[in-house]
PDB file of N, CA and C in Angstrom:
ATOM      1  N   UNK A   1       0.849  -1.157   0.000  1.00  0.00           N
ATOM      2  CA  UNK A   1       0.000   0.000   0.000  1.00  0.00           C
ATOM      3  C   UNK A   1       0.898   1.223   0.000  1.00  0.00           C
ATOM      4  N   UNK A   2       0.644   2.142  -0.902  1.00  0.00           N
ATOM      5  CA  UNK A   2       1.471   3.323  -1.034  1.00  0.00           C
ATOM      6  C   UNK A   2       0.993   4.446  -0.154  1.00  0.00           C
ATOM      7  N   UNK A   3       1.864   5.462  -0.067  1.00  0.00           N
ATOM      8  CA  UNK A   3       1.467   6.660   0.654  1.00  0.00           C
ATOM      9  C   UNK A   3       1.578   7.845  -0.271  1.00  0.00           C
ATOM     10  N   UNK A   4       0.753   8.832  -0.056  1.00  0.00           N
ATOM     11  CA  UNK A   4       0.791  10.055  -0.831  1.00  0.00           C
ATOM     12  C   UNK A   4       0.593  11.212   0.138  1.00  0.00           C
ATOM     13  N   UNK A   5       1.576  12.081   0.207  1.00  0.00           N
ATOM     14  CA  UNK A   5       1.522  13.222   1.121  1.00  0.00           C
ATOM     15  C   UNK A   5       1.302  12.782   2.562  1.00  0.00           C
ATOM     16  N   UNK A   6       1.888  11.644   2.956  1.00  0.00           N
ATOM     17  CA  UNK A   6       1.785  11.178   4.329  1.00  0.00           C
ATOM     18  C   UNK A   6       0.493  10.461   4.662  1.00  0.00           C
ATOM     19  N   UNK A   7      -0.394  10.240   3.677  1.00  0.00           N
ATOM     20  CA  UNK A   7      -1.640   9.526   3.943  1.00  0.00           C
ATOM     21  C   UNK A   7      -1.613   8.193   3.232  1.00  0.00           C
ATOM     22  N   UNK A   8      -2.306   7.230   3.798  1.00  0.00           N
ATOM     23  CA  UNK A   8      -2.370   5.905   3.193  1.00  0.00           C
ATOM     24  C   UNK A   8      -3.374   5.909   2.060  1.00  0.00           C
ATOM     25  N   UNK A   9      -3.061   5.157   1.033  1.00  0.00           N
ATOM     26  CA  UNK A   9      -3.990   5.007  -0.069  1.00  0.00           C
ATOM     27  C   UNK A   9      -4.247   3.526  -0.286  1.00  0.00           C
ATOM     28  N   UNK A  10      -5.352   3.200  -0.923  1.00  0.00           N
ATOM     29  CA  UNK A  10      -5.642   1.813  -1.235  1.00  0.00           C
ATOM     30  C   UNK A  10      -6.925   1.331  -0.599  1.00  0.00           C
ATOM     31  N   UNK A  11      -7.155   0.027  -0.748  1.00  0.00           N
ATOM     32  CA  UNK A  11      -8.403  -0.581  -0.298  1.00  0.00           C
ATOM     33  C   UNK A  11      -8.572  -0.505   1.216  1.00  0.00           C
ATOM     34  N   UNK A  12      -7.479  -0.630   1.970  1.00  0.00           N
ATOM     35  CA  UNK A  12      -7.595  -0.609   3.431  1.00  0.00           C
ATOM     36  C   UNK A  12      -8.102   0.745   3.923  1.00  0.00           C
ATOM     37  N   UNK A  13      -7.643   1.811   3.302  1.00  0.00           N
ATOM     38  CA  UNK A  13      -8.099   3.143   3.696  1.00  0.00           C
ATOM     39  C   UNK A  13      -9.569   3.325   3.374  1.00  0.00           C
ATOM     40  N   UNK A  14     -10.002   2.864   2.212  1.00  0.00           N
ATOM     41  CA  UNK A  14     -11.402   2.975   1.835  1.00  0.00           C
ATOM     42  C   UNK A  14     -12.273   2.154   2.772  1.00  0.00           C
ATOM     43  N   UNK A  15     -11.810   0.966   3.129  1.00  0.00           N
ATOM     44  CA  UNK A  15     -12.575   0.114   4.046  1.00  0.00           C
ATOM     45  C   UNK A  15     -12.672   0.755   5.419  1.00  0.00           C
ATOM     46  N   UNK A  16     -11.571   1.347   5.913  1.00  0.00           N
ATOM     47  CA  UNK A  16     -11.581   1.991   7.222  1.00  0.00           C
ATOM     48  C   UNK A  16     -12.534   3.177   7.237  1.00  0.00           C
ATOM     49  N   UNK A  17     -12.629   3.887   6.126  1.00  0.00           N
ATOM     50  CA  UNK A  17     -13.525   5.037   6.066  1.00  0.00           C
ATOM     51  C   UNK A  17     -14.986   4.602   6.141  1.00  0.00           C
ATOM     52  N   UNK A  18     -15.302   3.412   5.656  1.00  0.00           N
ATOM     53  CA  UNK A  18     -16.669   2.906   5.656  1.00  0.00           C
ATOM     54  C   UNK A  18     -17.051   2.269   6.986  1.00  0.00           C
ATOM     55  N   UNK A  19     -16.060   1.835   7.748  1.00  0.00           N
ATOM     56  CA  UNK A  19     -16.349   1.103   8.975  1.00  0.00           C
ATOM     57  C   UNK A  19     -17.092   1.985   9.969  1.00  0.00           C
ATOM     58  N   UNK A  20     -18.134   1.436  10.534  1.00  0.00           N
ATOM     59  CA  UNK A  20     -18.935   2.116  11.550  1.00  0.00           C
ATOM     60  C   UNK A  20     -18.825   1.320  12.847  1.00  0.00           C
ATOM     61  N   UNK A  21     -19.010   1.995  13.978  1.00  0.00           N
ATOM     62  CA  UNK A  21     -18.994   1.261  15.248  1.00  0.00           C
ATOM     63  C   UNK A  21     -20.121   0.240  15.303  1.00  0.00           C
ATOM     64  N   UNK A  22     -19.873  -0.867  15.982  1.00  0.00           N
ATOM     65  CA  UNK A  22     -20.915  -1.867  16.187  1.00  0.00           C
ATOM     66  C   UNK A  22     -22.002  -1.310  17.100  1.00  0.00           C
ATOM     67  N   UNK A  23     -21.616  -0.416  18.003  1.00  0.00           N
ATOM     68  CA  UNK A  23     -22.555   0.201  18.936  1.00  0.00           C
ATOM     69  C   UNK A  23     -21.972   1.529  19.417  1.00  0.00           C
ATOM     70  N   UNK A  24     -22.833   2.487  19.674  1.00  0.00           N
ATOM     71  CA  UNK A  24     -22.427   3.772  20.229  1.00  0.00           C
ATOM     72  C   UNK A  24     -23.280   4.060  21.460  1.00  0.00           C
ATOM     73  N   UNK A  25     -22.632   4.474  22.532  1.00  0.00           N
ATOM     74  CA  UNK A  25     -23.320   4.818  23.769  1.00  0.00           C
ATOM     75  C   UNK A  25     -22.995   6.279  24.073  1.00  0.00           C
ATOM     76  N   UNK A  26     -24.033   7.073  24.311  1.00  0.00           N
ATOM     77  CA  UNK A  26     -23.848   8.510  24.569  1.00  0.00           C
ATOM     78  C   UNK A  26     -24.523   8.934  25.868  1.00  0.00           C
ATOM     79  N   UNK A  27     -23.870   9.828  26.568  1.00  0.00           N
ATOM     80  CA  UNK A  27     -24.442  10.554  27.699  1.00  0.00           C
ATOM     81  C   UNK A  27     -23.977  11.991  27.539  1.00  0.00           C
ATOM     82  N   UNK A  28     -24.896  12.862  27.190  1.00  0.00           N
ATOM     83  CA  UNK A  28     -24.529  14.260  26.982  1.00  0.00           C
ATOM     84  C   UNK A  28     -23.481  14.380  25.892  1.00  0.00           C
ATOM     85  N   UNK A  29     -22.374  14.987  26.239  1.00  0.00           N
ATOM     86  CA  UNK A  29     -21.307  15.197  25.259  1.00  0.00           C
ATOM     87  C   UNK A  29     -20.264  14.090  25.252  1.00  0.00           C
ATOM     88  N   UNK A  30     -20.454  13.078  26.088  1.00  0.00           N
ATOM     89  CA  UNK A  30     -19.508  11.957  26.126  1.00  0.00           C
ATOM     90  C   UNK A  30     -20.044  10.796  25.311  1.00  0.00           C
ATOM     91  N   UNK A  31     -19.121  10.084  24.656  1.00  0.00           N
ATOM     92  CA  UNK A  31     -19.526   8.993  23.778  1.00  0.00           C
ATOM     93  C   UNK A  31     -18.520   7.853  23.852  1.00  0.00           C
ATOM     94  N   UNK A  32     -19.041   6.637  23.821  1.00  0.00           N
ATOM     95  CA  UNK A  32     -18.220   5.438  23.667  1.00  0.00           C
ATOM     96  C   UNK A  32     -18.595   4.794  22.341  1.00  0.00           C
ATOM     97  N   UNK A  33     -17.613   4.512  21.519  1.00  0.00           N
ATOM     98  CA  UNK A  33     -17.832   3.806  20.256  1.00  0.00           C
ATOM     99  C   UNK A  33     -17.224   2.415  20.407  1.00  0.00           C
ATOM    100  N   UNK A  34     -18.034   1.386  20.196  1.00  0.00           N
ATOM    101  CA  UNK A  34     -17.581   0.002  20.330  1.00  0.00           C
ATOM    102  C   UNK A  34     -17.326  -0.529  18.928  1.00  0.00           C
ATOM    103  N   UNK A  35     -16.105  -1.002  18.706  1.00  0.00           N
ATOM    104  CA  UNK A  35     -15.673  -1.447  17.387  1.00  0.00           C
ATOM    105  C   UNK A  35     -15.493  -2.955  17.377  1.00  0.00           C
ATOM    106  N   UNK A  36     -16.067  -3.609  16.370  1.00  0.00           N
ATOM    107  CA  UNK A  36     -15.903  -5.057  16.202  1.00  0.00           C
ATOM    108  C   UNK A  36     -14.706  -5.295  15.288  1.00  0.00           C
ATOM    109  N   UNK A  37     -13.813  -6.148  15.737  1.00  0.00           N
ATOM    110  CA  UNK A  37     -12.617  -6.500  14.971  1.00  0.00           C
ATOM    111  C   UNK A  37     -12.682  -7.991  14.632  1.00  0.00           C
ATOM    112  N   UNK A  38     -12.203  -8.332  13.475  1.00  0.00           N
ATOM    113  CA  UNK A  38     -12.176  -9.735  13.043  1.00  0.00           C
ATOM    114  C   UNK A  38     -10.725 -10.195  12.906  1.00  0.00           C
ATOM    115  N   UNK A  39     -10.474 -11.418  13.315  1.00  0.00           N
ATOM    116  CA  UNK A  39      -9.162 -12.022  13.117  1.00  0.00           C
ATOM    117  C   UNK A  39      -9.362 -13.509  12.827  1.00  0.00           C
ATOM    118  N   UNK A  40      -8.279 -14.198  12.539  1.00  0.00           N
ATOM    119  CA  UNK A  40      -8.386 -15.629  12.270  1.00  0.00           C
ATOM    120  C   UNK A  40      -8.795 -16.409  13.527  1.00  0.00           C
ATOM    121  N   UNK A  41      -8.676 -15.794  14.695  1.00  0.00           N
ATOM    122  CA  UNK A  41      -9.075 -16.431  15.951  1.00  0.00           C
ATOM    123  C   UNK A  41     -10.490 -16.066  16.366  1.00  0.00           C
ATOM    124  N   UNK A  42     -11.181 -15.254  15.561  1.00  0.00           N
ATOM    125  CA  UNK A  42     -12.550 -14.873  15.879  1.00  0.00           C
ATOM    126  C   UNK A  42     -12.700 -13.376  16.054  1.00  0.00           C
ATOM    127  N   UNK A  43     -13.851 -12.991  16.542  1.00  0.00           N
ATOM    128  CA  UNK A  43     -14.165 -11.579  16.732  1.00  0.00           C
ATOM    129  C   UNK A  43     -13.732 -11.104  18.107  1.00  0.00           C
ATOM    130  N   UNK A  44     -13.405  -9.834  18.195  1.00  0.00           N
ATOM    131  CA  UNK A  44     -13.146  -9.194  19.467  1.00  0.00           C
ATOM    132  C   UNK A  44     -13.569  -7.736  19.345  1.00  0.00           C
ATOM    133  N   UNK A  45     -13.702  -7.074  20.457  1.00  0.00           N
ATOM    134  CA  UNK A  45     -14.219  -5.713  20.491  1.00  0.00           C
ATOM    135  C   UNK A  45     -13.253  -4.780  21.195  1.00  0.00           C
ATOM    136  N   UNK A  46     -13.231  -3.536  20.731  1.00  0.00           N
ATOM    137  CA  UNK A  46     -12.469  -2.490  21.402  1.00  0.00           C
ATOM    138  C   UNK A  46     -13.367  -1.261  21.540  1.00  0.00           C
ATOM    139  N   UNK A  47     -12.994  -0.367  22.434  1.00  0.00           N
ATOM    140  CA  UNK A  47     -13.824   0.801  22.720  1.00  0.00           C
ATOM    141  C   UNK A  47     -12.973   2.061  22.667  1.00  0.00           C
ATOM    142  N   UNK A  48     -13.526   3.098  22.040  1.00  0.00           N
ATOM    143  CA  UNK A  48     -12.909   4.417  22.075  1.00  0.00           C
ATOM    144  C   UNK A  48     -13.874   5.377  22.761  1.00  0.00           C
ATOM    145  N   UNK A  49     -13.324   6.310  23.524  1.00  0.00           N
ATOM    146  CA  UNK A  49     -14.131   7.291  24.239  1.00  0.00           C
ATOM    147  C   UNK A  49     -13.811   8.684  23.704  1.00  0.00           C
ATOM    148  N   UNK A  50     -14.814   9.535  23.655  1.00  0.00           N
ATOM    149  CA  UNK A  50     -14.606  10.889  23.160  1.00  0.00           C
ATOM    150  C   UNK A  50     -15.524  11.861  23.888  1.00  0.00           C
ATOM    151  N   UNK A  51     -15.070  13.114  23.949  1.00  0.00           N
ATOM    152  CA  UNK A  51     -15.863  14.203  24.511  1.00  0.00           C
ATOM    153  C   UNK A  51     -16.031  15.244  23.418  1.00  0.00           C
ATOM    154  N   UNK A  52     -17.271  15.597  23.119  1.00  0.00           N
ATOM    155  CA  UNK A  52     -17.555  16.607  22.100  1.00  0.00           C
ATOM    156  C   UNK A  52     -17.493  17.998  22.732  1.00  0.00           C
ATOM    157  N   UNK A  53     -16.988  18.950  21.974  1.00  0.00           N
ATOM    158  CA  UNK A  53     -16.953  20.342  22.424  1.00  0.00           C
ATOM    159  C   UNK A  53     -16.961  21.258  21.204  1.00  0.00           C
ATOM    160  N   UNK A  54     -17.262  22.497  21.435  1.00  0.00           N
ATOM    161  CA  UNK A  54     -17.240  23.488  20.353  1.00  0.00           C
ATOM    162  C   UNK A  54     -15.952  24.295  20.442  1.00  0.00           C
ATOM    163  N   UNK A  55     -15.298  24.491  19.285  1.00  0.00           N
ATOM    164  CA  UNK A  55     -14.084  25.296  19.259  1.00  0.00           C
ATOM    165  C   UNK A  55     -14.436  26.785  19.203  1.00  0.00           C
ATOM    166  N   UNK A  56     -13.435  27.623  19.074  1.00  0.00           N
ATOM    167  CA  UNK A  56     -13.644  29.077  19.088  1.00  0.00           C
ATOM    168  C   UNK A  56     -14.516  29.556  17.925  1.00  0.00           C
ATOM    169  N   UNK A  57     -14.508  28.795  16.823  1.00  0.00           N
ATOM    170  CA  UNK A  57     -15.319  29.169  15.659  1.00  0.00           C
ATOM    171  C   UNK A  57     -16.736  28.603  15.729  1.00  0.00           C
ATOM    172  N   UNK A  58     -17.037  27.862  16.782  1.00  0.00           N
ATOM    173  CA  UNK A  58     -18.364  27.283  16.933  1.00  0.00           C
ATOM    174  C   UNK A  58     -18.533  25.934  16.268  1.00  0.00           C
ATOM    175  N   UNK A  59     -17.436  25.350  15.745  1.00  0.00           N
ATOM    176  CA  UNK A  59     -17.488  24.037  15.103  1.00  0.00           C
ATOM    177  C   UNK A  59     -17.329  22.933  16.144  1.00  0.00           C
ATOM    178  N   UNK A  60     -18.061  21.841  15.955  1.00  0.00           N
ATOM    179  CA  UNK A  60     -17.952  20.715  16.870  1.00  0.00           C
ATOM    180  C   UNK A  60     -16.637  19.991  16.643  1.00  0.00           C
ATOM    181  N   UNK A  61     -15.955  19.686  17.733  1.00  0.00           N
ATOM    182  CA  UNK A  61     -14.701  18.944  17.717  1.00  0.00           C
ATOM    183  C   UNK A  61     -14.819  17.784  18.697  1.00  0.00           C
ATOM    184  N   UNK A  62     -13.830  16.896  18.664  1.00  0.00           N
ATOM    185  CA  UNK A  62     -13.828  15.736  19.541  1.00  0.00           C
ATOM    186  C   UNK A  62     -12.475  15.644  20.236  1.00  0.00           C
ATOM    187  N   UNK A  63     -12.505  15.231  21.499  1.00  0.00           N
ATOM    188  CA  UNK A  63     -11.282  15.101  22.274  1.00  0.00           C
ATOM    189  C   UNK A  63     -11.297  13.804  23.069  1.00  0.00           C
ATOM    190  N   UNK A  64     -10.125  13.266  23.315  1.00  0.00           N
ATOM    191  CA  UNK A  64      -9.978  12.093  24.162  1.00  0.00           C
ATOM    192  C   UNK A  64      -9.559  12.475  25.572  1.00  0.00           C
ATOM    193  N   UNK A  65      -9.630  13.755  25.888  1.00  0.00           N
ATOM    194  CA  UNK A  65      -9.272  14.260  27.208  1.00  0.00           C
ATOM    195  C   UNK A  65     -10.542  14.552  27.999  1.00  0.00           C
ATOM    196  N   UNK A  66     -10.529  14.196  29.285  1.00  0.00           N
ATOM    197  CA  UNK A  66     -11.726  14.316  30.109  1.00  0.00           C
ATOM    198  C   UNK A  66     -11.396  15.054  31.403  1.00  0.00           C
ATOM    199  N   UNK A  67     -12.320  15.890  31.836  1.00  0.00           N
ATOM    200  CA  UNK A  67     -12.152  16.632  33.079  1.00  0.00           C
ATOM    201  C   UNK A  67     -12.708  15.875  34.260  1.00  0.00           C
ATOM    202  N   UNK A  68     -12.495  16.441  35.427  1.00  0.00           N
ATOM    203  CA  UNK A  68     -12.962  15.831  36.676  1.00  0.00           C
ATOM    204  C   UNK A  68     -14.452  15.526  36.637  1.00  0.00           C
ATOM    205  N   UNK A  69     -15.237  16.458  36.135  1.00  0.00           N
ATOM    206  CA  UNK A  69     -16.695  16.279  36.121  1.00  0.00           C
ATOM    207  C   UNK A  69     -17.160  15.255  35.089  1.00  0.00           C
ATOM    208  N   UNK A  70     -16.279  14.860  34.175  1.00  0.00           N
ATOM    209  CA  UNK A  70     -16.624  13.856  33.158  1.00  0.00           C
ATOM    210  C   UNK A  70     -16.408  12.429  33.651  1.00  0.00           C
ATOM    211  N   UNK A  71     -15.614  12.264  34.685  1.00  0.00           N
ATOM    212  CA  UNK A  71     -15.118  10.928  35.028  1.00  0.00           C
ATOM    213  C   UNK A  71     -16.203   9.951  35.462  1.00  0.00           C
ATOM    214  N   UNK A  72     -17.152  10.373  36.282  1.00  0.00           N
ATOM    215  CA  UNK A  72     -18.203   9.443  36.705  1.00  0.00           C
ATOM    216  C   UNK A  72     -19.107   9.062  35.532  1.00  0.00           C
ATOM    217  N   UNK A  73     -19.392  10.021  34.657  1.00  0.00           N
ATOM    218  CA  UNK A  73     -20.191   9.716  33.463  1.00  0.00           C
ATOM    219  C   UNK A  73     -19.399   8.782  32.551  1.00  0.00           C
ATOM    220  N   UNK A  74     -18.111   9.030  32.420  1.00  0.00           N
ATOM    221  CA  UNK A  74     -17.254   8.156  31.617  1.00  0.00           C
ATOM    222  C   UNK A  74     -17.248   6.730  32.174  1.00  0.00           C
ATOM    223  N   UNK A  75     -17.206   6.616  33.501  1.00  0.00           N
ATOM    224  CA  UNK A  75     -17.253   5.294  34.135  1.00  0.00           C
ATOM    225  C   UNK A  75     -18.577   4.596  33.838  1.00  0.00           C
ATOM    226  N   UNK A  76     -19.671   5.343  33.852  1.00  0.00           N
ATOM    227  CA  UNK A  76     -20.987   4.768  33.547  1.00  0.00           C
ATOM    228  C   UNK A  76     -21.026   4.279  32.095  1.00  0.00           C
ATOM    229  N   UNK A  77     -20.494   5.072  31.195  1.00  0.00           N
ATOM    230  CA  UNK A  77     -20.457   4.675  29.782  1.00  0.00           C
ATOM    231  C   UNK A  77     -19.565   3.453  29.599  1.00  0.00           C
ATOM    232  N   UNK A  78     -18.427   3.430  30.281  1.00  0.00           N
ATOM    233  CA  UNK A  78     -17.518   2.280  30.194  1.00  0.00           C
ATOM    234  C   UNK A  78     -18.195   1.012  30.714  1.00  0.00           C
ATOM    235  N   UNK A  79     -18.952   1.132  31.806  1.00  0.00           N
ATOM    236  CA  UNK A  79     -19.684  -0.008  32.353  1.00  0.00           C
ATOM    237  C   UNK A  79     -20.710  -0.530  31.345  1.00  0.00           C
ATOM    238  N   UNK A  80     -21.444   0.384  30.723  1.00  0.00           N
ATOM    239  CA  UNK A  80     -22.437  -0.030  29.734  1.00  0.00           C
ATOM    240  C   UNK A  80     -21.776  -0.646  28.504  1.00  0.00           C
ATOM    241  N   UNK A  81     -20.630  -0.117  28.090  1.00  0.00           N
ATOM    242  CA  UNK A  81     -19.900  -0.696  26.963  1.00  0.00           C
ATOM    243  C   UNK A  81     -19.438  -2.115  27.307  1.00  0.00           C
ATOM    244  N   UNK A  82     -18.936  -2.283  28.512  1.00  0.00           N
ATOM    245  CA  UNK A  82     -18.493  -3.604  28.981  1.00  0.00           C
ATOM    246  C   UNK A  82     -19.647  -4.609  28.955  1.00  0.00           C
ATOM    247  N   UNK A  83     -20.807  -4.200  29.458  1.00  0.00           N
ATOM    248  CA  UNK A  83     -21.979  -5.083  29.463  1.00  0.00           C
ATOM    249  C   UNK A  83     -22.438  -5.416  28.053  1.00  0.00           C
ATOM    250  N   UNK A  84     -22.432  -4.425  27.154  1.00  0.00           N
ATOM    251  CA  UNK A  84     -22.860  -4.659  25.771  1.00  0.00           C
ATOM    252  C   UNK A  84     -21.923  -5.655  25.090  1.00  0.00           C
ATOM    253  N   UNK A  85     -20.615  -5.499  25.321  1.00  0.00           N
ATOM    254  CA  UNK A  85     -19.637  -6.407  24.703  1.00  0.00           C
ATOM    255  C   UNK A  85     -19.851  -7.829  25.198  1.00  0.00           C
ATOM    256  N   UNK A  86     -20.077  -8.008  26.500  1.00  0.00           N
ATOM    257  CA  UNK A  86     -20.301  -9.355  27.026  1.00  0.00           C
ATOM    258  C   UNK A  86     -21.563  -9.979  26.442  1.00  0.00           C
ATOM    259  N   UNK A  87     -22.649  -9.200  26.349  1.00  0.00           N
ATOM    260  CA  UNK A  87     -23.875  -9.729  25.739  1.00  0.00           C
ATOM    261  C   UNK A  87     -23.635 -10.096  24.274  1.00  0.00           C
ATOM    262  N   UNK A  88     -22.925  -9.238  23.559  1.00  0.00           N
ATOM    263  CA  UNK A  88     -22.683  -9.487  22.138  1.00  0.00           C
ATOM    264  C   UNK A  88     -21.794 -10.711  21.933  1.00  0.00           C
ATOM    265  N   UNK A  89     -20.783 -10.872  22.780  1.00  0.00           N
ATOM    266  CA  UNK A  89     -19.911 -12.034  22.653  1.00  0.00           C
ATOM    267  C   UNK A  89     -20.674 -13.323  22.946  1.00  0.00           C
ATOM    268  N   UNK A  90     -21.612 -13.270  23.886  1.00  0.00           N
ATOM    269  CA  UNK A  90     -22.442 -14.447  24.171  1.00  0.00           C
ATOM    270  C   UNK A  90     -23.329 -14.763  22.973  1.00  0.00           C
ATOM    271  N   UNK A  91     -23.894 -13.724  22.355  1.00  0.00           N
ATOM    272  CA  UNK A  91     -24.708 -13.944  21.145  1.00  0.00           C
ATOM    273  C   UNK A  91     -23.860 -14.486  20.011  1.00  0.00           C
ATOM    274  N   UNK A  92     -22.650 -13.951  19.848  1.00  0.00           N
ATOM    275  CA  UNK A  92     -21.744 -14.443  18.804  1.00  0.00           C
ATOM    276  C   UNK A  92     -21.419 -15.912  19.022  1.00  0.00           C
ATOM    277  N   UNK A  93     -21.123 -16.273  20.278  1.00  0.00           N
ATOM    278  CA  UNK A  93     -20.786 -17.662  20.593  1.00  0.00           C
ATOM    279  C   UNK A  93     -21.986 -18.574  20.361  1.00  0.00           C
ATOM    280  N   UNK A  94     -23.179 -18.109  20.719  1.00  0.00           N
ATOM    281  CA  UNK A  94     -24.381 -18.919  20.527  1.00  0.00           C
ATOM    282  C   UNK A  94     -24.655 -19.131  19.041  1.00  0.00           C
ATOM    283  N   UNK A  95     -24.444 -18.111  18.230  1.00  0.00           N
ATOM    284  CA  UNK A  95     -24.702 -18.271  16.794  1.00  0.00           C
ATOM    285  C   UNK A  95     -23.666 -19.199  16.169  1.00  0.00           C
ATOM    286  N   UNK A  96     -22.431 -19.152  16.648  1.00  0.00           N
ATOM    287  CA  UNK A  96     -21.409 -20.072  16.142  1.00  0.00           C
ATOM    288  C   UNK A  96     -21.745 -21.492  16.569  1.00  0.00           C
ATOM    289  N   UNK A  97     -22.135 -21.668  17.843  1.00  0.00           N
ATOM    290  CA  UNK A  97     -22.499 -22.994  18.344  1.00  0.00           C
ATOM    291  C   UNK A  97     -23.689 -23.554  17.583  1.00  0.00           C
ATOM    292  N   UNK A  98     -24.694 -22.727  17.315  1.00  0.00           N
ATOM    293  CA  UNK A  98     -25.861 -23.186  16.562  1.00  0.00           C
ATOM    294  C   UNK A  98     -25.466 -23.607  15.161  1.00  0.00           C
ATOM    295  N   UNK A  99     -24.573 -22.885  14.553  1.00  0.00           N
ATOM    296  CA  UNK A  99     -24.111 -23.232  13.211  1.00  0.00           C
ATOM    297  C   UNK A  99     -23.368 -24.550  13.201  1.00  0.00           C
ATOM    298  N   UNK A 100     -22.544 -24.793  14.226  1.00  0.00           N
ATOM    299  CA  UNK A 100     -21.798 -26.041  14.298  1.00  0.00           C
ATOM    300  C   UNK A 100     -22.730 -27.206  14.568  1.00  0.00           C
ATOM    301  N   UNK A 101     -23.728 -27.024  15.413  1.00  0.00           N
ATOM    302  CA  UNK A 101     -24.663 -28.109  15.706  1.00  0.00           C
ATOM    303  C   UNK A 101     -25.438 -28.496  14.451  1.00  0.00           C
ATOM    304  N   UNK A 102     -25.846 -27.505  13.678  1.00  0.00           N
ATOM    305  CA  UNK A 102     -26.592 -27.795  12.464  1.00  0.00           C
ATOM    306  C   UNK A 102     -25.720 -28.528  11.453  1.00  0.00           C
ATOM    307  N   UNK A 103     -24.448 -28.115  11.345  1.00  0.00           N
ATOM    308  CA  UNK A 103     -23.548 -28.753  10.391  1.00  0.00           C
ATOM    309  C   UNK A 103     -23.240 -30.181  10.795  1.00  0.00           C
ATOM    310  N   UNK A 104     -23.046 -30.411  12.100  1.00  0.00           N
ATOM    311  CA  UNK A 104     -22.699 -31.745  12.597  1.00  0.00           C
ATOM    312  C   UNK A 104     -23.897 -32.666  12.637  1.00  0.00           C
ATOM    313  N   UNK A 105     -25.098 -32.089  12.662  1.00  0.00           N
ATOM    314  CA  UNK A 105     -26.305 -32.891  12.755  1.00  0.00           C
ATOM    315  C   UNK A 105     -26.578 -33.439  14.139  1.00  0.00           C
ATOM    316  N   UNK A 106     -25.931 -32.848  15.121  1.00  0.00           N
ATOM    317  CA  UNK A 106     -26.120 -33.313  16.495  1.00  0.00           C
ATOM    318  C   UNK A 106     -27.163 -32.456  17.188  1.00  0.00           C
ATOM    319  N   UNK A 107     -27.910 -33.040  18.058  1.00  0.00           N
ATOM    320  CA  UNK A 107     -28.935 -32.317  18.791  1.00  0.00           C
ATOM    321  C   UNK A 107     -28.350 -31.650  20.019  1.00  0.00           C
ATOM    322  N   UNK A 108     -29.125 -30.812  20.674  1.00  0.00           N
ATOM    323  CA  UNK A 108     -28.641 -30.141  21.875  1.00  0.00           C
ATOM    324  C   UNK A 108     -28.373 -31.143  22.991  1.00  0.00           C
ATOM    325  N   UNK A 109     -27.306 -30.874  23.730  1.00  0.00           N
ATOM    326  CA  UNK A 109     -26.981 -31.715  24.875  1.00  0.00           C
ATOM    327  C   UNK A 109     -26.182 -32.966  24.528  1.00  0.00           C
ATOM    328  N   UNK A 110     -25.947 -33.223  23.257  1.00  0.00           N
ATOM    329  CA  UNK A 110     -25.156 -34.396  22.885  1.00  0.00           C
ATOM    330  C   UNK A 110     -23.679 -34.030  22.868  1.00  0.00           C
ATOM    331  N   UNK A 111     -22.840 -34.972  23.296  1.00  0.00           N
ATOM    332  CA  UNK A 111     -21.399 -34.747  23.316  1.00  0.00           C
ATOM    333  C   UNK A 111     -20.865 -34.977  21.901  1.00  0.00           C
ATOM    334  N   UNK A 112     -20.136 -34.008  21.347  1.00  0.00           N
ATOM    335  CA  UNK A 112     -19.700 -34.098  19.939  1.00  0.00           C
ATOM    336  C   UNK A 112     -18.440 -34.911  19.721  1.00  0.00           C
ATOM    337  N   UNK A 113     -18.439 -36.217  20.155  1.00  0.00           N
ATOM    338  CA  UNK A 113     -17.325 -37.096  19.806  1.00  0.00           C
ATOM    339  C   UNK A 113     -17.716 -38.529  19.789  1.00  0.00           C
TER     340      UNK A 113
END
């Protein structure tokens, strides 16, 4: 993949631009974006946190820096992100298990060997 003027070009950049968070959790100006990642070992999730603010020109900007008054809200958002990821991973595992059971032709509760 080449670079032009310090930016990446190619299919990976286009794919990254299209990628959307699997889930977004907001409280006021604070936001958690939960990202689903795929690898040869399966899916995993990561979380980014941001605080929205207006700059001197009145344009909305985003920061990864949080003040004292943001911390408890940030903790609440982090807790909800953690719970969402655990629920989603359980659903992912259940859908994989259901797919394997159907392929193997085994019923529920049977030992697969």
